[in-house]
Amino acid sequence: MKRFLPAFISFIILTLGLELIVRGGWVSETLLPSPSMVLQSLSEMRADFLLAFKETLFNVLAGLFLSIGIGTLVAFLFSLSEILKRAILPFAIFFQTVPIIAIAPLLVIYFGFGAPTVIASSFIVSIFPIIANTLMGLESASEAQRDLFRIYQAPSLKVLWKLKLPHAYSYIYSGLKISAGLSIIGAIAGEFVAGGGLGALIDSARTQQRVDIVFGALLLLSLMGLLFIGAMALINRMILRKRPLATLSQE
C-alpha cells in the first residue's frame, strides 16, 4: 500500500489544482473541464457511459484474447520452423508499421459496422507484441541447454515445452502488458469508424464540443487499462508462487 501512496498524493494534488485553475477562471471550461464537472457528467450520463464501457470492454477482451491465442501459436510455430519464421515474420512486421487508423476504414468494408470491425482492429494492433516477445523468449535458452536436449535426442515439442517455454515466461508476460494497452487503443480506433462503445461516445462529444464527456470517457478508458494491468499482475504473482522456475527465468 505504501508503494502507491506517492502516486495517490500526486493525483489528489493534481485534481485539486485543476479544480482551482478552472474555477478561478484561468482556463475556460470549454477547453479544460474541472474534475467536478467531469464527475457530474459521469453521474448524469451514467447509463450511457456504463453501456459504452461494457461494449468497449467486450470488444477489447475479444481482440486481446484472439491476439494472445493466435499470437502465441504463431510464435510457437516460428520457434519450431526457421523457414516458416523467415517466410511470414516480415509480413507481421509490415502490418505493425501501418497505422491502425488507416486500416480501420478497410475493416469496415470487410466486416461492416459494429463489433466485428472493432474486434479486428484491436486484434491487429495487439498481436505483434505477443508474437515478437514470445518468440524472443523461446529463443532465449542458451546454446548449452539446447545441446543437452540434442544429446538426449528430445523431440521438438518436448524441447519447446520443457526448455523454451519456461525461459520465455518473463518475455510473454512483458508482451501481454504491452498488448493489453494496445488492444484498447485499437478498439477505440475501430469504434471511431465503426461506431459503438466509448469511441463513438467520444466522437459524438467532439461534434457537440462537450469536452467534459470526452474527459469522462478517457477516465473510464484509463480505469480499464489499470484493471487489465492489475489483473495481469495478480495472475503473475499466482504463477510465480506455483512455478518457481518462472521466477528463475525472470532473473
Protein backbone atom coordinates (compact mmCIF):
# COMPACT_ATOMS: atom_id res chain seq x y z
CA MET A 1 0.00 0.00 0.00
CA LYS A 2 2.88 2.36 0.79
CA ARG A 3 4.14 1.90 -2.76
CA PHE A 4 1.02 3.55 -4.19
CA LEU A 5 0.87 6.37 -1.63
CA PRO A 6 3.09 8.87 -3.59
CA ALA A 7 1.04 8.35 -6.76
CA PHE A 8 -2.21 8.79 -4.81
CA ILE A 9 -0.98 12.01 -3.21
CA SER A 10 0.15 13.33 -6.61
CA PHE A 11 -3.27 12.50 -8.07
CA ILE A 12 -5.07 14.38 -5.28
CA ILE A 13 -2.81 17.43 -5.67
CA LEU A 14 -3.25 17.44 -9.47
CA THR A 15 -7.03 17.09 -9.18
CA LEU A 16 -7.34 19.92 -6.67
CA GLY A 17 -5.00 22.08 -8.75
CA LEU A 18 -7.11 21.59 -11.88
CA GLU A 19 -10.27 22.36 -9.94
CA LEU A 20 -8.83 25.62 -8.61
CA ILE A 21 -7.42 26.66 -12.01
CA VAL A 22 -10.75 26.17 -13.81
CA ARG A 23 -12.90 27.66 -11.06
CA GLY A 24 -10.54 30.62 -10.79
CA GLY A 25 -11.19 31.42 -14.45
CA TRP A 26 -7.59 30.93 -15.56
CA VAL A 27 -8.70 28.27 -18.06
CA SER A 28 -12.08 28.11 -19.78
CA GLU A 29 -14.29 25.09 -19.04
CA THR A 30 -14.87 24.76 -22.78
CA LEU A 31 -11.18 23.83 -23.13
CA LEU A 32 -10.45 22.06 -19.86
CA PRO A 33 -13.35 20.87 -17.69
CA SER A 34 -12.96 20.86 -13.94
CA PRO A 35 -12.81 17.43 -12.23
CA SER A 36 -16.15 18.17 -10.55
CA MET A 37 -17.71 18.87 -13.95
CA VAL A 38 -16.39 15.57 -15.31
CA LEU A 39 -17.78 13.69 -12.30
CA GLN A 40 -21.13 15.45 -12.77
CA SER A 41 -21.26 14.35 -16.43
CA LEU A 42 -20.38 10.78 -15.41
CA SER A 43 -23.22 10.85 -12.89
CA GLU A 44 -25.83 12.39 -15.17
CA MET A 45 -24.96 10.12 -18.12
CA ARG A 46 -24.03 7.05 -16.10
CA ALA A 47 -26.36 4.79 -18.11
CA ASP A 48 -24.78 5.86 -21.41
CA PHE A 49 -21.25 5.63 -20.01
CA LEU A 50 -21.90 2.21 -18.48
CA LEU A 51 -23.34 0.82 -21.71
CA ALA A 52 -20.45 2.21 -23.75
CA PHE A 53 -17.90 0.93 -21.23
CA LYS A 54 -19.32 -2.60 -21.33
CA GLU A 55 -19.34 -2.60 -25.14
CA THR A 56 -15.75 -1.39 -25.39
CA LEU A 57 -14.62 -3.81 -22.68
CA PHE A 58 -16.16 -6.76 -24.53
CA ASN A 59 -14.53 -5.75 -27.81
CA VAL A 60 -11.15 -5.19 -26.16
CA LEU A 61 -11.23 -8.54 -24.36
CA ALA A 62 -12.27 -10.34 -27.54
CA GLY A 63 -9.46 -8.75 -29.55
CA LEU A 64 -6.89 -9.30 -26.78
CA PHE A 65 -7.78 -12.98 -26.25
CA LEU A 66 -7.64 -13.56 -30.00
CA SER A 67 -4.21 -11.94 -30.19
CA ILE A 68 -2.96 -14.00 -27.22
CA GLY A 69 -4.20 -17.29 -28.66
CA ILE A 70 -3.19 -16.76 -32.29
CA GLY A 71 -0.04 -14.78 -31.49
CA THR A 72 1.29 -17.43 -29.09
CA LEU A 73 0.51 -20.21 -31.56
CA VAL A 74 2.29 -18.35 -34.37
CA ALA A 75 5.32 -17.77 -32.13
CA PHE A 76 5.45 -21.49 -31.28
CA LEU A 77 5.32 -22.38 -34.99
CA PHE A 78 8.09 -19.87 -35.76
CA SER A 79 10.20 -21.37 -32.98
CA LEU A 80 9.77 -24.87 -34.41
CA SER A 81 10.38 -23.88 -38.05
CA GLU A 82 13.07 -21.40 -39.12
CA ILE A 83 11.80 -21.44 -42.72
CA LEU A 84 8.28 -20.55 -41.61
CA LYS A 85 9.62 -17.69 -39.49
CA ARG A 86 11.61 -16.22 -42.38
CA ALA A 87 8.62 -16.56 -44.73
CA ILE A 88 5.91 -14.96 -42.55
CA LEU A 89 7.54 -12.77 -39.87
CA PRO A 90 8.40 -9.91 -42.29
CA PHE A 91 4.71 -9.57 -43.18
CA ALA A 92 3.80 -9.36 -39.48
CA ILE A 93 6.37 -6.58 -39.07
CA PHE A 94 4.96 -4.79 -42.12
CA PHE A 95 1.41 -4.79 -40.73
CA GLN A 96 2.71 -3.46 -37.43
CA THR A 97 4.18 -0.40 -39.16
CA VAL A 98 0.87 0.57 -40.83
CA PRO A 99 -1.23 2.93 -38.63
CA ILE A 100 -4.45 1.27 -37.50
CA ILE A 101 -6.43 4.42 -38.24
CA ALA A 102 -5.50 3.93 -41.91
CA ILE A 103 -6.62 0.29 -41.88
CA ALA A 104 -9.85 0.83 -39.95
CA PRO A 105 -11.90 2.09 -42.96
CA LEU A 106 -10.93 -1.08 -44.83
CA LEU A 107 -12.08 -3.19 -41.90
CA VAL A 108 -15.49 -1.50 -42.10
CA ILE A 109 -15.70 -2.54 -45.77
CA TYR A 110 -14.70 -6.12 -44.95
CA PHE A 111 -16.59 -6.68 -41.66
CA GLY A 112 -19.24 -3.95 -41.64
CA PHE A 113 -20.13 -1.57 -38.83
CA GLY A 114 -20.16 -2.71 -35.24
CA ALA A 115 -18.28 -5.17 -33.05
CA PRO A 116 -16.56 -7.31 -35.74
CA THR A 117 -14.59 -4.34 -37.07
CA VAL A 118 -13.70 -3.12 -33.57
CA ILE A 119 -12.51 -6.58 -32.50
CA ALA A 120 -10.47 -6.95 -35.68
CA SER A 121 -8.89 -3.54 -35.10
CA SER A 122 -7.99 -4.43 -31.52
CA PHE A 123 -6.61 -7.78 -32.65
CA ILE A 124 -4.39 -6.34 -35.41
CA VAL A 125 -2.81 -3.77 -33.09
CA SER A 126 -2.17 -6.12 -30.17
CA ILE A 127 -0.96 -9.33 -31.86
CA PHE A 128 2.55 -8.28 -32.87
CA PRO A 129 3.94 -7.72 -29.34
CA ILE A 130 2.67 -11.20 -28.43
CA ILE A 131 4.46 -12.76 -31.40
CA ALA A 132 7.67 -10.77 -31.01
CA ASN A 133 8.08 -11.15 -27.24
CA THR A 134 7.06 -14.80 -27.14
CA LEU A 135 9.43 -15.66 -29.98
CA MET A 136 12.26 -13.74 -28.31
CA GLY A 137 11.64 -15.66 -25.10
CA LEU A 138 11.51 -19.03 -26.83
CA GLU A 139 14.89 -18.31 -28.40
CA SER A 140 16.46 -17.08 -25.15
CA ALA A 141 17.60 -20.51 -23.93
CA SER A 142 21.38 -20.90 -24.00
CA GLU A 143 23.14 -23.00 -26.62
CA ALA A 144 24.50 -25.31 -23.91
CA GLN A 145 20.97 -26.11 -22.73
CA ARG A 146 19.86 -26.79 -26.29
CA ASP A 147 22.85 -29.07 -26.84
CA LEU A 148 21.88 -31.06 -23.77
CA PHE A 149 18.44 -31.73 -25.22
CA ARG A 150 20.01 -32.65 -28.57
CA ILE A 151 22.30 -35.17 -26.87
CA TYR A 152 19.28 -36.96 -25.43
CA GLN A 153 17.53 -36.66 -28.83
CA ALA A 154 14.49 -34.93 -27.33
CA PRO A 155 11.68 -34.31 -29.84
CA SER A 156 10.97 -30.71 -30.86
CA LEU A 157 7.72 -30.47 -28.92
CA LYS A 158 9.43 -31.67 -25.74
CA VAL A 159 12.20 -29.11 -26.19
CA LEU A 160 9.53 -26.45 -26.63
CA TRP A 161 7.59 -27.48 -23.52
CA LYS A 162 10.43 -28.37 -21.16
CA LEU A 163 13.14 -25.88 -22.17
CA LYS A 164 11.95 -22.98 -24.29
CA LEU A 165 8.60 -22.21 -22.66
CA PRO A 166 9.89 -21.83 -19.06
CA HIS A 167 12.61 -19.45 -20.29
CA ALA A 168 10.04 -17.49 -22.29
CA TYR A 169 7.71 -16.75 -19.39
CA SER A 170 9.01 -13.28 -18.48
CA TYR A 171 9.06 -12.29 -22.17
CA ILE A 172 5.48 -13.50 -22.64
CA TYR A 173 4.36 -11.52 -19.60
CA SER A 174 6.01 -8.36 -20.95
CA GLY A 175 4.30 -8.86 -24.30
CA LEU A 176 0.94 -9.28 -22.59
CA LYS A 177 1.32 -5.99 -20.72
CA ILE A 178 2.14 -4.17 -23.97
CA SER A 179 -0.69 -5.81 -25.89
CA ALA A 180 -3.23 -5.04 -23.16
CA GLY A 181 -2.70 -1.32 -23.64
CA LEU A 182 -2.55 -1.54 -27.41
CA SER A 183 -5.77 -3.55 -27.56
CA ILE A 184 -7.63 -0.61 -26.00
CA ILE A 185 -6.07 1.81 -28.50
CA GLY A 186 -7.02 -0.46 -31.40
CA ALA A 187 -10.60 -0.85 -30.16
CA ILE A 188 -11.09 2.91 -29.81
CA ALA A 189 -9.68 3.48 -33.31
CA GLY A 190 -12.13 0.89 -34.62
CA GLU A 191 -15.04 2.48 -32.77
CA PHE A 192 -14.26 5.87 -34.29
CA VAL A 193 -15.09 4.49 -37.73
CA ALA A 194 -17.37 1.53 -36.97
CA GLY A 195 -19.39 3.04 -34.13
CA GLY A 196 -20.28 1.82 -30.67
CA GLY A 197 -18.61 1.95 -27.28
CA LEU A 198 -16.62 4.74 -25.72
CA GLY A 199 -15.03 5.59 -29.07
CA ALA A 200 -18.40 6.52 -30.55
CA LEU A 201 -19.25 8.44 -27.38
CA ILE A 202 -16.02 10.45 -27.71
CA ASP A 203 -16.68 11.12 -31.39
CA SER A 204 -20.23 12.26 -30.65
CA ALA A 205 -18.99 14.53 -27.84
CA ARG A 206 -16.44 16.03 -30.23
CA THR A 207 -19.20 17.20 -32.59
CA GLN A 208 -21.06 18.71 -29.64
CA GLN A 209 -17.92 20.32 -28.20
CA ARG A 210 -18.58 18.52 -24.88
CA VAL A 211 -15.06 18.18 -23.50
CA ASP A 212 -16.47 17.00 -20.16
CA ILE A 213 -17.86 13.88 -21.86
CA VAL A 214 -14.55 13.31 -23.63
CA PHE A 215 -12.63 13.52 -20.36
CA GLY A 216 -15.15 11.23 -18.69
CA ALA A 217 -14.65 8.61 -21.40
CA LEU A 218 -10.87 9.00 -21.14
CA LEU A 219 -11.13 8.44 -17.39
CA LEU A 220 -13.04 5.21 -17.96
CA LEU A 221 -10.51 4.05 -20.55
CA SER A 222 -7.69 4.71 -18.09
CA LEU A 223 -9.60 2.71 -15.48
CA MET A 224 -9.95 -0.13 -17.97
CA GLY A 225 -6.22 -0.14 -18.61
CA LEU A 226 -5.47 -0.15 -14.88
CA LEU A 227 -7.84 -3.08 -14.38
CA PHE A 228 -6.02 -5.04 -17.08
CA ILE A 229 -2.60 -4.31 -15.60
CA GLY A 230 -3.79 -5.16 -12.09
CA ALA A 231 -5.37 -8.43 -13.22
CA MET A 232 -2.21 -9.50 -15.04
CA ALA A 233 -0.03 -8.57 -12.07
CA LEU A 234 -2.24 -10.71 -9.82
CA ILE A 235 -2.10 -13.66 -12.22
CA ASN A 236 1.67 -13.22 -12.49
CA ARG A 237 2.07 -13.44 -8.71
CA MET A 238 -0.07 -16.59 -8.58
CA ILE A 239 2.00 -18.23 -11.32
CA LEU A 240 5.30 -17.34 -9.65
CA ARG A 241 4.10 -18.89 -6.39
CA LYS A 242 3.11 -22.12 -8.13
CA ARG A 243 6.04 -22.28 -10.56
CA PRO A 244 9.37 -21.17 -9.01
CA LEU A 245 11.09 -21.93 -12.34
CA ALA A 246 9.28 -18.95 -13.83
CA THR A 247 10.97 -16.80 -11.20
CA LEU A 248 14.35 -18.08 -12.28
CA SER A 249 13.60 -17.14 -15.89
CA GLN A 250 12.98 -13.54 -14.81
CA GLU A 251 16.36 -13.14 -13.11
